[in-house]
Amino acid sequence: MTYQQILQSFLAFNINAFNNLVYIMETNLWIILTMIGTIAIIIMNVKEEIEDYVTEEQNII
């Protein structure tokens, strides 16, 4: 195989991988949105717990 053939194979592989990722995202959009929502809820809850902890620490001092 020449360098050009290897480069073309690599490019084709990456294009195929990108197209597959787009297909998965389109067909499973509700799963992705659910994961994003779950992560957002977890982040907001952790942020709220940190703020409460800081407020409690300040009241003790």
N, C-alpha and C. Protein backbone atom coordinates (compact mmCIF):
# COMPACT_ATOMS: atom_id res chain seq x y z
N MET A 1 0.84 -1.19 0.00
CA MET A 1 0.00 0.00 0.00
C MET A 1 0.88 1.24 0.00
N THR A 2 0.46 2.19 -0.75
CA THR A 2 1.20 3.45 -0.79
C THR A 2 0.68 4.37 0.32
N TYR A 3 1.43 5.40 0.54
CA TYR A 3 1.05 6.39 1.56
C TYR A 3 -0.31 7.00 1.23
N GLN A 4 -0.56 7.27 -0.04
CA GLN A 4 -1.82 7.87 -0.45
C GLN A 4 -2.99 6.93 -0.20
N GLN A 5 -2.82 5.64 -0.42
CA GLN A 5 -3.89 4.69 -0.16
C GLN A 5 -4.18 4.58 1.33
N ILE A 6 -3.12 4.61 2.13
CA ILE A 6 -3.30 4.57 3.58
C ILE A 6 -4.06 5.80 4.05
N LEU A 7 -3.69 6.96 3.52
CA LEU A 7 -4.36 8.21 3.88
C LEU A 7 -5.83 8.18 3.46
N GLN A 8 -6.11 7.68 2.28
CA GLN A 8 -7.50 7.58 1.81
C GLN A 8 -8.30 6.62 2.68
N SER A 9 -7.70 5.50 3.07
CA SER A 9 -8.38 4.54 3.94
C SER A 9 -8.69 5.17 5.30
N PHE A 10 -7.71 5.88 5.83
CA PHE A 10 -7.90 6.55 7.12
C PHE A 10 -9.01 7.59 7.04
N LEU A 11 -9.02 8.37 5.97
CA LEU A 11 -10.05 9.38 5.77
C LEU A 11 -11.42 8.74 5.63
N ALA A 12 -11.52 7.67 4.85
CA ALA A 12 -12.80 6.98 4.67
C ALA A 12 -13.29 6.40 5.99
N PHE A 13 -12.38 5.85 6.79
CA PHE A 13 -12.75 5.30 8.09
C PHE A 13 -13.32 6.39 8.99
N ASN A 14 -12.68 7.56 9.02
CA ASN A 14 -13.15 8.65 9.88
C ASN A 14 -14.47 9.23 9.40
N ILE A 15 -14.65 9.33 8.10
CA ILE A 15 -15.93 9.81 7.56
C ILE A 15 -17.04 8.83 7.94
N ASN A 16 -16.76 7.53 7.80
CA ASN A 16 -17.74 6.51 8.16
C ASN A 16 -18.07 6.58 9.65
N ALA A 17 -17.05 6.76 10.49
CA ALA A 17 -17.28 6.86 11.94
C ALA A 17 -18.12 8.08 12.27
N PHE A 18 -17.85 9.20 11.64
CA PHE A 18 -18.62 10.42 11.88
C PHE A 18 -20.07 10.24 11.45
N ASN A 19 -20.27 9.65 10.27
CA ASN A 19 -21.63 9.41 9.79
C ASN A 19 -22.38 8.45 10.71
N ASN A 20 -21.69 7.45 11.23
CA ASN A 20 -22.31 6.52 12.17
C ASN A 20 -22.70 7.24 13.46
N LEU A 21 -21.84 8.12 13.94
CA LEU A 21 -22.15 8.89 15.15
C LEU A 21 -23.37 9.78 14.93
N VAL A 22 -23.44 10.43 13.77
CA VAL A 22 -24.60 11.27 13.45
C VAL A 22 -25.87 10.42 13.41
N TYR A 23 -25.79 9.25 12.80
CA TYR A 23 -26.95 8.35 12.71
C TYR A 23 -27.41 7.92 14.10
N ILE A 24 -26.47 7.55 14.96
CA ILE A 24 -26.82 7.13 16.32
C ILE A 24 -27.47 8.28 17.07
N MET A 25 -26.94 9.48 16.91
CA MET A 25 -27.51 10.64 17.61
C MET A 25 -28.91 10.95 17.10
N GLU A 26 -29.14 10.81 15.81
CA GLU A 26 -30.46 11.10 15.25
C GLU A 26 -31.48 10.06 15.69
N THR A 27 -31.10 8.80 15.71
CA THR A 27 -32.07 7.75 16.03
C THR A 27 -32.29 7.60 17.52
N ASN A 28 -31.35 8.03 18.33
CA ASN A 28 -31.47 7.90 19.78
C ASN A 28 -31.47 9.26 20.46
N LEU A 29 -32.11 10.23 19.84
CA LEU A 29 -32.09 11.59 20.37
C LEU A 29 -32.71 11.65 21.76
N TRP A 30 -33.77 10.89 21.99
CA TRP A 30 -34.42 10.94 23.31
C TRP A 30 -33.51 10.40 24.40
N ILE A 31 -32.68 9.41 24.08
CA ILE A 31 -31.74 8.89 25.08
C ILE A 31 -30.69 9.97 25.40
N ILE A 32 -30.19 10.64 24.38
CA ILE A 32 -29.19 11.68 24.58
C ILE A 32 -29.76 12.83 25.39
N LEU A 33 -30.99 13.25 25.07
CA LEU A 33 -31.63 14.34 25.82
C LEU A 33 -31.87 13.93 27.27
N THR A 34 -32.23 12.67 27.48
CA THR A 34 -32.43 12.19 28.85
C THR A 34 -31.12 12.22 29.63
N MET A 35 -30.03 11.80 29.01
CA MET A 35 -28.73 11.83 29.68
C MET A 35 -28.31 13.26 29.98
N ILE A 36 -28.52 14.17 29.04
CA ILE A 36 -28.17 15.58 29.27
C ILE A 36 -28.98 16.14 30.43
N GLY A 37 -30.28 15.84 30.45
CA GLY A 37 -31.14 16.30 31.55
C GLY A 37 -30.71 15.74 32.89
N THR A 38 -30.37 14.46 32.91
CA THR A 38 -29.93 13.82 34.15
C THR A 38 -28.63 14.44 34.66
N ILE A 39 -27.70 14.67 33.77
CA ILE A 39 -26.43 15.29 34.15
C ILE A 39 -26.67 16.71 34.67
N ALA A 40 -27.57 17.45 34.02
CA ALA A 40 -27.86 18.81 34.46
C ALA A 40 -28.47 18.81 35.86
N ILE A 41 -29.39 17.86 36.13
CA ILE A 41 -30.01 17.78 37.45
C ILE A 41 -28.97 17.44 38.51
N ILE A 42 -28.08 16.50 38.21
CA ILE A 42 -27.03 16.13 39.16
C ILE A 42 -26.13 17.33 39.46
N ILE A 43 -25.73 18.06 38.43
CA ILE A 43 -24.86 19.23 38.62
C ILE A 43 -25.56 20.28 39.47
N MET A 44 -26.85 20.54 39.20
CA MET A 44 -27.58 21.54 39.98
C MET A 44 -27.72 21.11 41.44
N ASN A 45 -27.97 19.81 41.69
CA ASN A 45 -28.08 19.33 43.07
C ASN A 45 -26.75 19.43 43.81
N VAL A 46 -25.66 19.08 43.14
CA VAL A 46 -24.35 19.19 43.78
C VAL A 46 -24.02 20.65 44.07
N LYS A 47 -24.34 21.53 43.13
CA LYS A 47 -24.08 22.96 43.33
C LYS A 47 -24.88 23.48 44.53
N GLU A 48 -26.14 23.05 44.64
CA GLU A 48 -26.97 23.48 45.76
C GLU A 48 -26.41 22.97 47.09
N GLU A 49 -25.95 21.72 47.11
CA GLU A 49 -25.36 21.16 48.34
C GLU A 49 -24.10 21.92 48.73
N ILE A 50 -23.28 22.29 47.76
CA ILE A 50 -22.06 23.04 48.05
C ILE A 50 -22.40 24.41 48.62
N GLU A 51 -23.40 25.07 48.02
CA GLU A 51 -23.79 26.39 48.52
C GLU A 51 -24.34 26.29 49.95
N ASP A 52 -25.14 25.25 50.23
CA ASP A 52 -25.68 25.07 51.58
C ASP A 52 -24.55 24.81 52.57
N TYR A 53 -23.57 24.00 52.17
CA TYR A 53 -22.45 23.68 53.06
C TYR A 53 -21.64 24.93 53.39
N VAL A 54 -21.40 25.76 52.37
CA VAL A 54 -20.64 27.01 52.59
C VAL A 54 -21.41 27.93 53.52
N THR A 55 -22.73 28.03 53.35
CA THR A 55 -23.55 28.88 54.21
C THR A 55 -23.52 28.37 55.65
N GLU A 56 -23.63 27.05 55.83
CA GLU A 56 -23.58 26.49 57.18
C GLU A 56 -22.22 26.73 57.83
N GLU A 57 -21.14 26.61 57.07
CA GLU A 57 -19.80 26.85 57.61
C GLU A 57 -19.66 28.31 58.05
N GLN A 58 -20.22 29.23 57.26
CA GLN A 58 -20.12 30.63 57.61
C GLN A 58 -20.92 30.94 58.87
N ASN A 59 -22.06 30.28 59.06
CA ASN A 59 -22.87 30.50 60.27
C ASN A 59 -22.16 29.98 61.51
N ILE A 60 -21.40 28.91 61.38
CA ILE A 60 -20.68 28.35 62.54
C ILE A 60 -19.59 29.31 62.99
N ILE A 61 -18.89 29.90 62.03
CA ILE A 61 -17.81 30.82 62.35
C ILE A 61 -18.41 32.11 62.88
